[in-house]
Amino acid sequence: MKRLTNKEKEIMDLYWQHGPMFVRELLEHYAEPRPHFNTLSTMVRILEKNGFLDHKQYGNTYQYFPIVSEKEYGRSSIAGVIKNYFNDSYLSAVSSFVKEEKISVEELKELIKEIENA
């Protein structure tokens, strides 16, 4: 799955939070200064082209909705990081977290217990 830019992620976050919206409704969720309607509309169409959104047509307007869930995107992102930065090794990724003290040995033991009990 393609990685989202910061602006694309911002738009997707709004769709994940609020569900189907027309671009005008999406625009209302932005604080001032709001992006230009045409800019936002272009970005939404790019997200649709890249398989993140789809639309339903109502006359000459389109209501867009997410077809990739936030959870699916998160999983894909984690898998991409592990593939690109840890040689596709989840063991290397976890080992790196332990070495950098992002996760303690005790937390790791607890995680192993949870996995064994699942």
PDB file of N, CA and C in Angstrom:
ATOM      1  N   MET A   1       0.845  -1.173   0.000  1.00  0.00           N
ATOM      2  CA  MET A   1       0.000   0.000   0.000  1.00  0.00           C
ATOM      3  C   MET A   1       0.893   1.240   0.000  1.00  0.00           C
ATOM      4  N   LYS A   2       0.518   2.226  -0.784  1.00  0.00           N
ATOM      5  CA  LYS A   2       1.282   3.469  -0.888  1.00  0.00           C
ATOM      6  C   LYS A   2       1.252   4.227   0.435  1.00  0.00           C
ATOM      7  N   ARG A   3       2.372   4.865   0.768  1.00  0.00           N
ATOM      8  CA  ARG A   3       2.443   5.695   1.973  1.00  0.00           C
ATOM      9  C   ARG A   3       1.767   7.039   1.706  1.00  0.00           C
ATOM     10  N   LEU A   4       1.059   7.538   2.687  1.00  0.00           N
ATOM     11  CA  LEU A   4       0.396   8.823   2.568  1.00  0.00           C
ATOM     12  C   LEU A   4       1.360   9.948   2.928  1.00  0.00           C
ATOM     13  N   THR A   5       1.255  11.068   2.203  1.00  0.00           N
ATOM     14  CA  THR A   5       1.993  12.264   2.607  1.00  0.00           C
ATOM     15  C   THR A   5       1.306  12.819   3.852  1.00  0.00           C
ATOM     16  N   ASN A   6       1.925  13.791   4.500  1.00  0.00           N
ATOM     17  CA  ASN A   6       1.305  14.393   5.687  1.00  0.00           C
ATOM     18  C   ASN A   6      -0.055  15.005   5.370  1.00  0.00           C
ATOM     19  N   LYS A   7      -0.166  15.695   4.249  1.00  0.00           N
ATOM     20  CA  LYS A   7      -1.447  16.320   3.864  1.00  0.00           C
ATOM     21  C   LYS A   7      -2.490  15.256   3.528  1.00  0.00           C
ATOM     22  N   GLU A   8      -2.080  14.209   2.832  1.00  0.00           N
ATOM     23  CA  GLU A   8      -3.012  13.123   2.509  1.00  0.00           C
ATOM     24  C   GLU A   8      -3.486  12.430   3.785  1.00  0.00           C
ATOM     25  N   LYS A   9      -2.573  12.217   4.720  1.00  0.00           N
ATOM     26  CA  LYS A   9      -2.924  11.587   5.994  1.00  0.00           C
ATOM     27  C   LYS A   9      -3.919  12.456   6.766  1.00  0.00           C
ATOM     28  N   GLU A  10      -3.715  13.762   6.705  1.00  0.00           N
ATOM     29  CA  GLU A  10      -4.622  14.713   7.356  1.00  0.00           C
ATOM     30  C   GLU A  10      -6.043  14.566   6.789  1.00  0.00           C
ATOM     31  N   ILE A  11      -6.143  14.453   5.480  1.00  0.00           N
ATOM     32  CA  ILE A  11      -7.447  14.281   4.831  1.00  0.00           C
ATOM     33  C   ILE A  11      -8.048  12.935   5.208  1.00  0.00           C
ATOM     34  N   MET A  12      -7.244  11.884   5.139  1.00  0.00           N
ATOM     35  CA  MET A  12      -7.759  10.556   5.481  1.00  0.00           C
ATOM     36  C   MET A  12      -8.210  10.505   6.937  1.00  0.00           C
ATOM     37  N   ASP A  13      -7.474  11.155   7.830  1.00  0.00           N
ATOM     38  CA  ASP A  13      -7.886  11.191   9.239  1.00  0.00           C
ATOM     39  C   ASP A  13      -9.290  11.784   9.367  1.00  0.00           C
ATOM     40  N   LEU A  14      -9.574  12.826   8.596  1.00  0.00           N
ATOM     41  CA  LEU A  14     -10.906  13.438   8.644  1.00  0.00           C
ATOM     42  C   LEU A  14     -11.971  12.478   8.108  1.00  0.00           C
ATOM     43  N   TYR A  15     -11.666  11.762   7.039  1.00  0.00           N
ATOM     44  CA  TYR A  15     -12.631  10.782   6.517  1.00  0.00           C
ATOM     45  C   TYR A  15     -12.812   9.626   7.501  1.00  0.00           C
ATOM     46  N   TRP A  16     -11.726   9.186   8.125  1.00  0.00           N
ATOM     47  CA  TRP A  16     -11.844   8.095   9.105  1.00  0.00           C
ATOM     48  C   TRP A  16     -12.656   8.546  10.313  1.00  0.00           C
ATOM     49  N   GLN A  17     -12.530   9.793  10.712  1.00  0.00           N
ATOM     50  CA  GLN A  17     -13.267  10.303  11.874  1.00  0.00           C
ATOM     51  C   GLN A  17     -14.733  10.600  11.563  1.00  0.00           C
ATOM     52  N   HIS A  18     -15.000  11.156  10.380  1.00  0.00           N
ATOM     53  CA  HIS A  18     -16.337  11.683  10.087  1.00  0.00           C
ATOM     54  C   HIS A  18     -17.122  10.891   9.049  1.00  0.00           C
ATOM     55  N   GLY A  19     -16.499   9.943   8.380  1.00  0.00           N
ATOM     56  CA  GLY A  19     -17.206   9.139   7.389  1.00  0.00           C
ATOM     57  C   GLY A  19     -17.385   9.875   6.074  1.00  0.00           C
ATOM     58  N   PRO A  20     -18.346   9.410   5.248  1.00  0.00           N
ATOM     59  CA  PRO A  20     -18.542   9.982   3.915  1.00  0.00           C
ATOM     60  C   PRO A  20     -18.803  11.490   3.952  1.00  0.00           C
ATOM     61  N   MET A  21     -18.141  12.208   3.036  1.00  0.00           N
ATOM     62  CA  MET A  21     -18.312  13.667   2.957  1.00  0.00           C
ATOM     63  C   MET A  21     -18.102  14.145   1.532  1.00  0.00           C
ATOM     64  N   PHE A  22     -18.793  15.236   1.226  1.00  0.00           N
ATOM     65  CA  PHE A  22     -18.508  15.992   0.010  1.00  0.00           C
ATOM     66  C   PHE A  22     -17.281  16.851   0.320  1.00  0.00           C
ATOM     67  N   VAL A  23     -16.569  17.299  -0.701  1.00  0.00           N
ATOM     68  CA  VAL A  23     -15.363  18.097  -0.490  1.00  0.00           C
ATOM     69  C   VAL A  23     -15.707  19.363   0.304  1.00  0.00           C
ATOM     70  N   ARG A  24     -16.860  19.958   0.045  1.00  0.00           N
ATOM     71  CA  ARG A  24     -17.270  21.157   0.797  1.00  0.00           C
ATOM     72  C   ARG A  24     -17.415  20.872   2.297  1.00  0.00           C
ATOM     73  N   GLU A  25     -17.943  19.711   2.621  1.00  0.00           N
ATOM     74  CA  GLU A  25     -18.066  19.321   4.032  1.00  0.00           C
ATOM     75  C   GLU A  25     -16.679  19.088   4.637  1.00  0.00           C
ATOM     76  N   LEU A  26     -15.816  18.473   3.869  1.00  0.00           N
ATOM     77  CA  LEU A  26     -14.442  18.231   4.319  1.00  0.00           C
ATOM     78  C   LEU A  26     -13.759  19.559   4.634  1.00  0.00           C
ATOM     79  N   LEU A  27     -13.951  20.521   3.777  1.00  0.00           N
ATOM     80  CA  LEU A  27     -13.355  21.849   3.929  1.00  0.00           C
ATOM     81  C   LEU A  27     -13.771  22.501   5.244  1.00  0.00           C
ATOM     82  N   GLU A  28     -14.995  22.245   5.688  1.00  0.00           N
ATOM     83  CA  GLU A  28     -15.507  22.839   6.928  1.00  0.00           C
ATOM     84  C   GLU A  28     -14.769  22.352   8.175  1.00  0.00           C
ATOM     85  N   HIS A  29     -14.092  21.226   8.074  1.00  0.00           N
ATOM     86  CA  HIS A  29     -13.356  20.678   9.214  1.00  0.00           C
ATOM     87  C   HIS A  29     -11.971  21.303   9.386  1.00  0.00           C
ATOM     88  N   TYR A  30     -11.586  22.158   8.473  1.00  0.00           N
ATOM     89  CA  TYR A  30     -10.292  22.836   8.550  1.00  0.00           C
ATOM     90  C   TYR A  30     -10.432  24.178   9.257  1.00  0.00           C
ATOM     91  N   ALA A  31      -9.427  24.513  10.054  1.00  0.00           N
ATOM     92  CA  ALA A  31      -9.376  25.829  10.685  1.00  0.00           C
ATOM     93  C   ALA A  31      -8.870  26.841   9.661  1.00  0.00           C
ATOM     94  N   GLU A  32      -9.123  28.099   9.932  1.00  0.00           N
ATOM     95  CA  GLU A  32      -8.608  29.166   9.069  1.00  0.00           C
ATOM     96  C   GLU A  32      -7.093  29.244   9.218  1.00  0.00           C
ATOM     97  N   PRO A  33      -6.348  29.529   8.212  1.00  0.00           N
ATOM     98  CA  PRO A  33      -6.772  29.673   6.828  1.00  0.00           C
ATOM     99  C   PRO A  33      -6.995  28.304   6.185  1.00  0.00           C
ATOM    100  N   ARG A  34      -8.157  28.111   5.643  1.00  0.00           N
ATOM    101  CA  ARG A  34      -8.510  26.845   5.021  1.00  0.00           C
ATOM    102  C   ARG A  34      -7.814  26.691   3.673  1.00  0.00           C
ATOM    103  N   PRO A  35      -7.554  25.434   3.288  1.00  0.00           N
ATOM    104  CA  PRO A  35      -7.002  25.237   1.937  1.00  0.00           C
ATOM    105  C   PRO A  35      -8.044  25.638   0.896  1.00  0.00           C
ATOM    106  N   HIS A  36      -7.602  25.962  -0.293  1.00  0.00           N
ATOM    107  CA  HIS A  36      -8.519  26.312  -1.373  1.00  0.00           C
ATOM    108  C   HIS A  36      -9.326  25.074  -1.765  1.00  0.00           C
ATOM    109  N   PHE A  37     -10.580  25.274  -2.109  1.00  0.00           N
ATOM    110  CA  PHE A  37     -11.475  24.173  -2.486  1.00  0.00           C
ATOM    111  C   PHE A  37     -10.860  23.316  -3.586  1.00  0.00           C
ATOM    112  N   ASN A  38     -10.331  23.954  -4.635  1.00  0.00           N
ATOM    113  CA  ASN A  38      -9.778  23.197  -5.768  1.00  0.00           C
ATOM    114  C   ASN A  38      -8.572  22.356  -5.357  1.00  0.00           C
ATOM    115  N   THR A  39      -7.749  22.885  -4.462  1.00  0.00           N
ATOM    116  CA  THR A  39      -6.582  22.146  -3.973  1.00  0.00           C
ATOM    117  C   THR A  39      -7.032  20.905  -3.221  1.00  0.00           C
ATOM    118  N   LEU A  40      -7.994  21.092  -2.331  1.00  0.00           N
ATOM    119  CA  LEU A  40      -8.514  19.973  -1.549  1.00  0.00           C
ATOM    120  C   LEU A  40      -9.182  18.941  -2.456  1.00  0.00           C
ATOM    121  N   SER A  41      -9.947  19.417  -3.420  1.00  0.00           N
ATOM    122  CA  SER A  41     -10.621  18.526  -4.363  1.00  0.00           C
ATOM    123  C   SER A  41      -9.611  17.694  -5.156  1.00  0.00           C
ATOM    124  N   THR A  42      -8.525  18.311  -5.574  1.00  0.00           N
ATOM    125  CA  THR A  42      -7.473  17.598  -6.309  1.00  0.00           C
ATOM    126  C   THR A  42      -6.851  16.521  -5.428  1.00  0.00           C
ATOM    127  N   MET A  43      -6.584  16.859  -4.180  1.00  0.00           N
ATOM    128  CA  MET A  43      -5.971  15.887  -3.270  1.00  0.00           C
ATOM    129  C   MET A  43      -6.916  14.710  -3.006  1.00  0.00           C
ATOM    130  N   VAL A  44      -8.204  14.981  -2.888  1.00  0.00           N
ATOM    131  CA  VAL A  44      -9.192  13.919  -2.670  1.00  0.00           C
ATOM    132  C   VAL A  44      -9.226  12.993  -3.892  1.00  0.00           C
ATOM    133  N   ARG A  45      -9.175  13.568  -5.083  1.00  0.00           N
ATOM    134  CA  ARG A  45      -9.170  12.737  -6.307  1.00  0.00           C
ATOM    135  C   ARG A  45      -7.899  11.894  -6.392  1.00  0.00           C
ATOM    136  N   ILE A  46      -6.773  12.430  -5.931  1.00  0.00           N
ATOM    137  CA  ILE A  46      -5.524  11.659  -5.907  1.00  0.00           C
ATOM    138  C   ILE A  46      -5.668  10.484  -4.938  1.00  0.00           C
ATOM    139  N   LEU A  47      -6.263  10.738  -3.778  1.00  0.00           N
ATOM    140  CA  LEU A  47      -6.486   9.658  -2.806  1.00  0.00           C
ATOM    141  C   LEU A  47      -7.410   8.592  -3.391  1.00  0.00           C
ATOM    142  N   GLU A  48      -8.377   9.014  -4.179  1.00  0.00           N
ATOM    143  CA  GLU A  48      -9.254   8.040  -4.836  1.00  0.00           C
ATOM    144  C   GLU A  48      -8.466   7.238  -5.875  1.00  0.00           C
ATOM    145  N   LYS A  49      -7.673   7.917  -6.667  1.00  0.00           N
ATOM    146  CA  LYS A  49      -6.850   7.250  -7.689  1.00  0.00           C
ATOM    147  C   LYS A  49      -5.895   6.238  -7.057  1.00  0.00           C
ATOM    148  N   ASN A  50      -5.391   6.564  -5.855  1.00  0.00           N
ATOM    149  CA  ASN A  50      -4.441   5.687  -5.166  1.00  0.00           C
ATOM    150  C   ASN A  50      -5.126   4.605  -4.334  1.00  0.00           C
ATOM    151  N   GLY A  51      -6.451   4.524  -4.409  1.00  0.00           N
ATOM    152  CA  GLY A  51      -7.169   3.426  -3.771  1.00  0.00           C
ATOM    153  C   GLY A  51      -7.532   3.618  -2.305  1.00  0.00           C
ATOM    154  N   PHE A  52      -7.476   4.845  -1.807  1.00  0.00           N
ATOM    155  CA  PHE A  52      -7.835   5.104  -0.412  1.00  0.00           C
ATOM    156  C   PHE A  52      -9.292   5.523  -0.264  1.00  0.00           C
ATOM    157  N   LEU A  53      -9.828   6.205  -1.270  1.00  0.00           N
ATOM    158  CA  LEU A  53     -11.208   6.686  -1.242  1.00  0.00           C
ATOM    159  C   LEU A  53     -11.957   6.187  -2.465  1.00  0.00           C
ATOM    160  N   ASP A  54     -13.264   6.191  -2.363  1.00  0.00           N
ATOM    161  CA  ASP A  54     -14.141   5.956  -3.504  1.00  0.00           C
ATOM    162  C   ASP A  54     -15.233   7.016  -3.407  1.00  0.00           C
ATOM    163  N   HIS A  55     -16.127   7.051  -4.383  1.00  0.00           N
ATOM    164  CA  HIS A  55     -17.171   8.066  -4.325  1.00  0.00           C
ATOM    165  C   HIS A  55     -18.515   7.524  -4.778  1.00  0.00           C
ATOM    166  N   LYS A  56     -19.538   8.250  -4.369  1.00  0.00           N
ATOM    167  CA  LYS A  56     -20.904   8.028  -4.807  1.00  0.00           C
ATOM    168  C   LYS A  56     -21.336   9.336  -5.467  1.00  0.00           C
ATOM    169  N   GLN A  57     -21.926   9.230  -6.657  1.00  0.00           N
ATOM    170  CA  GLN A  57     -22.302  10.442  -7.382  1.00  0.00           C
ATOM    171  C   GLN A  57     -23.735  10.835  -7.062  1.00  0.00           C
ATOM    172  N   TYR A  58     -23.921  12.125  -6.801  1.00  0.00           N
ATOM    173  CA  TYR A  58     -25.243  12.713  -6.577  1.00  0.00           C
ATOM    174  C   TYR A  58     -25.359  13.882  -7.545  1.00  0.00           C
ATOM    175  N   GLY A  59     -26.011  13.649  -8.674  1.00  0.00           N
ATOM    176  CA  GLY A  59     -26.074  14.691  -9.701  1.00  0.00           C
ATOM    177  C   GLY A  59     -24.680  14.964 -10.222  1.00  0.00           C
ATOM    178  N   ASN A  60     -24.262  16.226 -10.111  1.00  0.00           N
ATOM    179  CA  ASN A  60     -22.912  16.562 -10.594  1.00  0.00           C
ATOM    180  C   ASN A  60     -21.908  16.718  -9.447  1.00  0.00           C
ATOM    181  N   THR A  61     -22.252  16.195  -8.258  1.00  0.00           N
ATOM    182  CA  THR A  61     -21.318  16.242  -7.135  1.00  0.00           C
ATOM    183  C   THR A  61     -20.990  14.831  -6.664  1.00  0.00           C
ATOM    184  N   TYR A  62     -19.881  14.724  -5.956  1.00  0.00           N
ATOM    185  CA  TYR A  62     -19.416  13.428  -5.480  1.00  0.00           C
ATOM    186  C   TYR A  62     -19.252  13.440  -3.967  1.00  0.00           C
ATOM    187  N   GLN A  63     -19.749  12.394  -3.341  1.00  0.00           N
ATOM    188  CA  GLN A  63     -19.524  12.193  -1.913  1.00  0.00           C
ATOM    189  C   GLN A  63     -18.474  11.094  -1.794  1.00  0.00           C
ATOM    190  N   TYR A  64     -17.366  11.426  -1.143  1.00  0.00           N
ATOM    191  CA  TYR A  64     -16.251  10.490  -1.025  1.00  0.00           C
ATOM    192  C   TYR A  64     -16.313   9.758   0.311  1.00  0.00           C
ATOM    193  N   PHE A  65     -15.802   8.540   0.301  1.00  0.00           N
ATOM    194  CA  PHE A  65     -15.768   7.735   1.520  1.00  0.00           C
ATOM    195  C   PHE A  65     -14.526   6.845   1.491  1.00  0.00           C
ATOM    196  N   PRO A  66     -13.990   6.531   2.681  1.00  0.00           N
ATOM    197  CA  PRO A  66     -12.770   5.712   2.732  1.00  0.00           C
ATOM    198  C   PRO A  66     -13.057   4.247   2.384  1.00  0.00           C
ATOM    199  N   ILE A  67     -12.152   3.644   1.636  1.00  0.00           N
ATOM    200  CA  ILE A  67     -12.262   2.209   1.350  1.00  0.00           C
ATOM    201  C   ILE A  67     -11.102   1.444   1.976  1.00  0.00           C
ATOM    202  N   VAL A  68     -10.186   2.177   2.603  1.00  0.00           N
ATOM    203  CA  VAL A  68      -9.108   1.589   3.391  1.00  0.00           C
ATOM    204  C   VAL A  68      -9.332   2.077   4.815  1.00  0.00           C
ATOM    205  N   SER A  69      -9.406   1.162   5.755  1.00  0.00           N
ATOM    206  CA  SER A  69      -9.615   1.571   7.147  1.00  0.00           C
ATOM    207  C   SER A  69      -8.314   2.086   7.740  1.00  0.00           C
ATOM    208  N   GLU A  70      -8.455   2.841   8.806  1.00  0.00           N
ATOM    209  CA  GLU A  70      -7.276   3.363   9.500  1.00  0.00           C
ATOM    210  C   GLU A  70      -6.417   2.212  10.021  1.00  0.00           C
ATOM    211  N   LYS A  71      -7.072   1.165  10.482  1.00  0.00           N
ATOM    212  CA  LYS A  71      -6.362  -0.009  11.006  1.00  0.00           C
ATOM    213  C   LYS A  71      -5.573  -0.704   9.887  1.00  0.00           C
ATOM    214  N   GLU A  72      -6.197  -0.863   8.708  1.00  0.00           N
ATOM    215  CA  GLU A  72      -5.506  -1.481   7.574  1.00  0.00           C
ATOM    216  C   GLU A  72      -4.283  -0.662   7.173  1.00  0.00           C
ATOM    217  N   TYR A  73      -4.453   0.656   7.140  1.00  0.00           N
ATOM    218  CA  TYR A  73      -3.344   1.522   6.765  1.00  0.00           C
ATOM    219  C   TYR A  73      -2.214   1.421   7.787  1.00  0.00           C
ATOM    220  N   GLY A  74      -2.568   1.392   9.059  1.00  0.00           N
ATOM    221  CA  GLY A  74      -1.564   1.276  10.119  1.00  0.00           C
ATOM    222  C   GLY A  74      -0.769  -0.008  10.005  1.00  0.00           C
ATOM    223  N   ARG A  75      -1.477  -1.110   9.776  1.00  0.00           N
ATOM    224  CA  ARG A  75      -0.789  -2.403   9.628  1.00  0.00           C
ATOM    225  C   ARG A  75       0.160  -2.382   8.444  1.00  0.00           C
ATOM    226  N   SER A  76      -0.309  -1.831   7.344  1.00  0.00           N
ATOM    227  CA  SER A  76       0.512  -1.756   6.139  1.00  0.00           C
ATOM    228  C   SER A  76       1.747  -0.886   6.372  1.00  0.00           C
ATOM    229  N   SER A  77       1.558   0.202   7.099  1.00  0.00           N
ATOM    230  CA  SER A  77       2.681   1.103   7.388  1.00  0.00           C
ATOM    231  C   SER A  77       3.733   0.405   8.233  1.00  0.00           C
ATOM    232  N   ILE A  78       3.295  -0.314   9.249  1.00  0.00           N
ATOM    233  CA  ILE A  78       4.230  -1.037  10.115  1.00  0.00           C
ATOM    234  C   ILE A  78       4.976  -2.095   9.309  1.00  0.00           C
ATOM    235  N   ALA A  79       4.240  -2.818   8.478  1.00  0.00           N
ATOM    236  CA  ALA A  79       4.879  -3.853   7.647  1.00  0.00           C
ATOM    237  C   ALA A  79       5.915  -3.223   6.718  1.00  0.00           C
ATOM    238  N   GLY A  80       5.611  -2.047   6.169  1.00  0.00           N
ATOM    239  CA  GLY A  80       6.547  -1.358   5.281  1.00  0.00           C
ATOM    240  C   GLY A  80       7.811  -0.926   5.998  1.00  0.00           C
ATOM    241  N   VAL A  81       7.652  -0.417   7.201  1.00  0.00           N
ATOM    242  CA  VAL A  81       8.812   0.002   7.995  1.00  0.00           C
ATOM    243  C   VAL A  81       9.700  -1.198   8.299  1.00  0.00           C
ATOM    244  N   ILE A  82       9.069  -2.299   8.697  1.00  0.00           N
ATOM    245  CA  ILE A  82       9.856  -3.498   9.030  1.00  0.00           C
ATOM    246  C   ILE A  82      10.567  -4.030   7.787  1.00  0.00           C
ATOM    247  N   LYS A  83       9.876  -4.003   6.665  1.00  0.00           N
ATOM    248  CA  LYS A  83      10.492  -4.476   5.420  1.00  0.00           C
ATOM    249  C   LYS A  83      11.662  -3.582   5.009  1.00  0.00           C
ATOM    250  N   ASN A  84      11.456  -2.266   5.066  1.00  0.00           N
ATOM    251  CA  ASN A  84      12.465  -1.327   4.574  1.00  0.00           C
ATOM    252  C   ASN A  84      13.617  -1.071   5.529  1.00  0.00           C
ATOM    253  N   TYR A  85      13.359  -1.139   6.831  1.00  0.00           N
ATOM    254  CA  TYR A  85      14.390  -0.743   7.788  1.00  0.00           C
ATOM    255  C   TYR A  85      14.925  -1.885   8.648  1.00  0.00           C
ATOM    256  N   PHE A  86      14.231  -3.026   8.635  1.00  0.00           N
ATOM    257  CA  PHE A  86      14.673  -4.145   9.461  1.00  0.00           C
ATOM    258  C   PHE A  86      14.829  -5.426   8.649  1.00  0.00           C
ATOM    259  N   ASN A  87      15.078  -5.267   7.351  1.00  0.00           N
ATOM    260  CA  ASN A  87      15.327  -6.408   6.467  1.00  0.00           C
ATOM    261  C   ASN A  87      14.195  -7.432   6.496  1.00  0.00           C
ATOM    262  N   ASP A  88      12.974  -6.944   6.643  1.00  0.00           N
ATOM    263  CA  ASP A  88      11.771  -7.778   6.676  1.00  0.00           C
ATOM    264  C   ASP A  88      11.781  -8.752   7.857  1.00  0.00           C
ATOM    265  N   SER A  89      12.473  -8.345   8.936  1.00  0.00           N
ATOM    266  CA  SER A  89      12.583  -9.200  10.119  1.00  0.00           C
ATOM    267  C   SER A  89      11.894  -8.538  11.313  1.00  0.00           C
ATOM    268  N   TYR A  90      10.781  -9.135  11.725  1.00  0.00           N
ATOM    269  CA  TYR A  90      10.069  -8.621  12.899  1.00  0.00           C
ATOM    270  C   TYR A  90      10.918  -8.807  14.156  1.00  0.00           C
ATOM    271  N   LEU A  91      11.708  -9.871  14.182  1.00  0.00           N
ATOM    272  CA  LEU A  91      12.602 -10.118  15.315  1.00  0.00           C
ATOM    273  C   LEU A  91      13.619  -8.981  15.448  1.00  0.00           C
ATOM    274  N   SER A  92      14.182  -8.537  14.337  1.00  0.00           N
ATOM    275  CA  SER A  92      15.125  -7.417  14.361  1.00  0.00           C
ATOM    276  C   SER A  92      14.444  -6.140  14.845  1.00  0.00           C
ATOM    277  N   ALA A  93      13.207  -5.932  14.435  1.00  0.00           N
ATOM    278  CA  ALA A  93      12.473  -4.737  14.862  1.00  0.00           C
ATOM    279  C   ALA A  93      12.255  -4.751  16.367  1.00  0.00           C
ATOM    280  N   VAL A  94      11.781  -5.860  16.899  1.00  0.00           N
ATOM    281  CA  VAL A  94      11.532  -5.967  18.338  1.00  0.00           C
ATOM    282  C   VAL A  94      12.853  -5.845  19.095  1.00  0.00           C
ATOM    283  N   SER A  95      13.896  -6.486  18.604  1.00  0.00           N
ATOM    284  CA  SER A  95      15.215  -6.410  19.230  1.00  0.00           C
ATOM    285  C   SER A  95      15.696  -4.959  19.291  1.00  0.00           C
ATOM    286  N   SER A  96      15.454  -4.222  18.233  1.00  0.00           N
ATOM    287  CA  SER A  96      15.841  -2.816  18.188  1.00  0.00           C
ATOM    288  C   SER A  96      15.089  -2.011  19.243  1.00  0.00           C
ATOM    289  N   PHE A  97      13.796  -2.302  19.426  1.00  0.00           N
ATOM    290  CA  PHE A  97      13.012  -1.608  20.456  1.00  0.00           C
ATOM    291  C   PHE A  97      13.557  -1.900  21.848  1.00  0.00           C
ATOM    292  N   VAL A  98      13.964  -3.130  22.079  1.00  0.00           N
ATOM    293  CA  VAL A  98      14.514  -3.501  23.388  1.00  0.00           C
ATOM    294  C   VAL A  98      15.850  -2.789  23.599  1.00  0.00           C
ATOM    295  N   LYS A  99      16.714  -2.820  22.582  1.00  0.00           N
ATOM    296  CA  LYS A  99      18.032  -2.192  22.697  1.00  0.00           C
ATOM    297  C   LYS A  99      17.928  -0.683  22.926  1.00  0.00           C
ATOM    298  N   GLU A 100      16.947  -0.057  22.293  1.00  0.00           N
ATOM    299  CA  GLU A 100      16.776   1.392  22.430  1.00  0.00           C
ATOM    300  C   GLU A 100      15.884   1.748  23.622  1.00  0.00           C
ATOM    301  N   GLU A 101      15.554   0.744  24.411  1.00  0.00           N
ATOM    302  CA  GLU A 101      14.744   0.909  25.612  1.00  0.00           C
ATOM    303  C   GLU A 101      13.369   1.515  25.333  1.00  0.00           C
ATOM    304  N   LYS A 102      12.810   1.205  24.161  1.00  0.00           N
ATOM    305  CA  LYS A 102      11.447   1.615  23.829  1.00  0.00           C
ATOM    306  C   LYS A 102      10.442   0.628  24.409  1.00  0.00           C
ATOM    307  N   ILE A 103      10.937  -0.579  24.680  1.00  0.00           N
ATOM    308  CA  ILE A 103      10.130  -1.611  25.325  1.00  0.00           C
ATOM    309  C   ILE A 103      11.062  -2.329  26.307  1.00  0.00           C
ATOM    310  N   SER A 104      10.551  -2.563  27.488  1.00  0.00           N
ATOM    311  CA  SER A 104      11.390  -3.211  28.499  1.00  0.00           C
ATOM    312  C   SER A 104      11.347  -4.728  28.328  1.00  0.00           C
ATOM    313  N   VAL A 105      12.314  -5.384  28.912  1.00  0.00           N
ATOM    314  CA  VAL A 105      12.354  -6.849  28.880  1.00  0.00           C
ATOM    315  C   VAL A 105      11.101  -7.404  29.556  1.00  0.00           C
ATOM    316  N   GLU A 106      10.664  -6.749  30.645  1.00  0.00           N
ATOM    317  CA  GLU A 106       9.451  -7.198  31.343  1.00  0.00           C
ATOM    318  C   GLU A 106       8.228  -7.099  30.425  1.00  0.00           C
ATOM    319  N   GLU A 107       8.129  -6.002  29.682  1.00  0.00           N
ATOM    320  CA  GLU A 107       7.011  -5.837  28.742  1.00  0.00           C
ATOM    321  C   GLU A 107       7.078  -6.898  27.650  1.00  0.00           C
ATOM    322  N   LEU A 108       8.272  -7.194  27.211  1.00  0.00           N
ATOM    323  CA  LEU A 108       8.460  -8.214  26.190  1.00  0.00           C
ATOM    324  C   LEU A 108       8.031  -9.582  26.707  1.00  0.00           C
ATOM    325  N   LYS A 109       8.389  -9.900  27.950  1.00  0.00           N
ATOM    326  CA  LYS A 109       7.969 -11.172  28.557  1.00  0.00           C
ATOM    327  C   LYS A 109       6.449 -11.238  28.665  1.00  0.00           C
ATOM    328  N   GLU A 110       5.835 -10.124  29.042  1.00  0.00           N
ATOM    329  CA  GLU A 110       4.375 -10.068  29.139  1.00  0.00           C
ATOM    330  C   GLU A 110       3.728 -10.289  27.770  1.00  0.00           C
ATOM    331  N   LEU A 111       4.320  -9.694  26.745  1.00  0.00           N
ATOM    332  CA  LEU A 111       3.826  -9.875  25.382  1.00  0.00           C
ATOM    333  C   LEU A 111       3.919 -11.338  24.955  1.00  0.00           C
ATOM    334  N   ILE A 112       5.013 -11.988  25.293  1.00  0.00           N
ATOM    335  CA  ILE A 112       5.193 -13.402  24.954  1.00  0.00           C
ATOM    336  C   ILE A 112       4.127 -14.232  25.643  1.00  0.00           C
ATOM    337  N   LYS A 113       3.843 -13.937  26.910  1.00  0.00           N
ATOM    338  CA  LYS A 113       2.791 -14.664  27.635  1.00  0.00           C
ATOM    339  C   LYS A 113       1.436 -14.484  26.973  1.00  0.00           C
ATOM    340  N   GLU A 114       1.137 -13.257  26.570  1.00  0.00           N
ATOM    341  CA  GLU A 114      -0.145 -12.984  25.892  1.00  0.00           C
ATOM    342  C   GLU A 114      -0.253 -13.781  24.596  1.00  0.00           C
ATOM    343  N   ILE A 115       0.828 -13.840  23.854  1.00  0.00           N
ATOM    344  CA  ILE A 115       0.834 -14.580  22.580  1.00  0.00           C
ATOM    345  C   ILE A 115       0.656 -16.064  22.841  1.00  0.00           C
ATOM    346  N   GLU A 116       1.343 -16.584  23.835  1.00  0.00           N
ATOM    347  CA  GLU A 116       1.223 -18.014  24.155  1.00  0.00           C
ATOM    348  C   GLU A 116      -0.179 -18.370  24.626  1.00  0.00           C
ATOM    349  N   ASN A 117      -0.851 -17.455  25.318  1.00  0.00           N
ATOM    350  CA  ASN A 117      -2.189 -17.713  25.827  1.00  0.00           C
ATOM    351  C   ASN A 117      -3.289 -17.478  24.798  1.00  0.00           C
ATOM    352  N   ALA A 118      -2.941 -16.856  23.698  1.00  0.00           N
ATOM    353  CA  ALA A 118      -3.959 -16.537  22.663  1.00  0.00           C
ATOM    354  C   ALA A 118      -4.368 -17.765  21.866  1.00  0.00           C
TER     355      ALA A 118
END
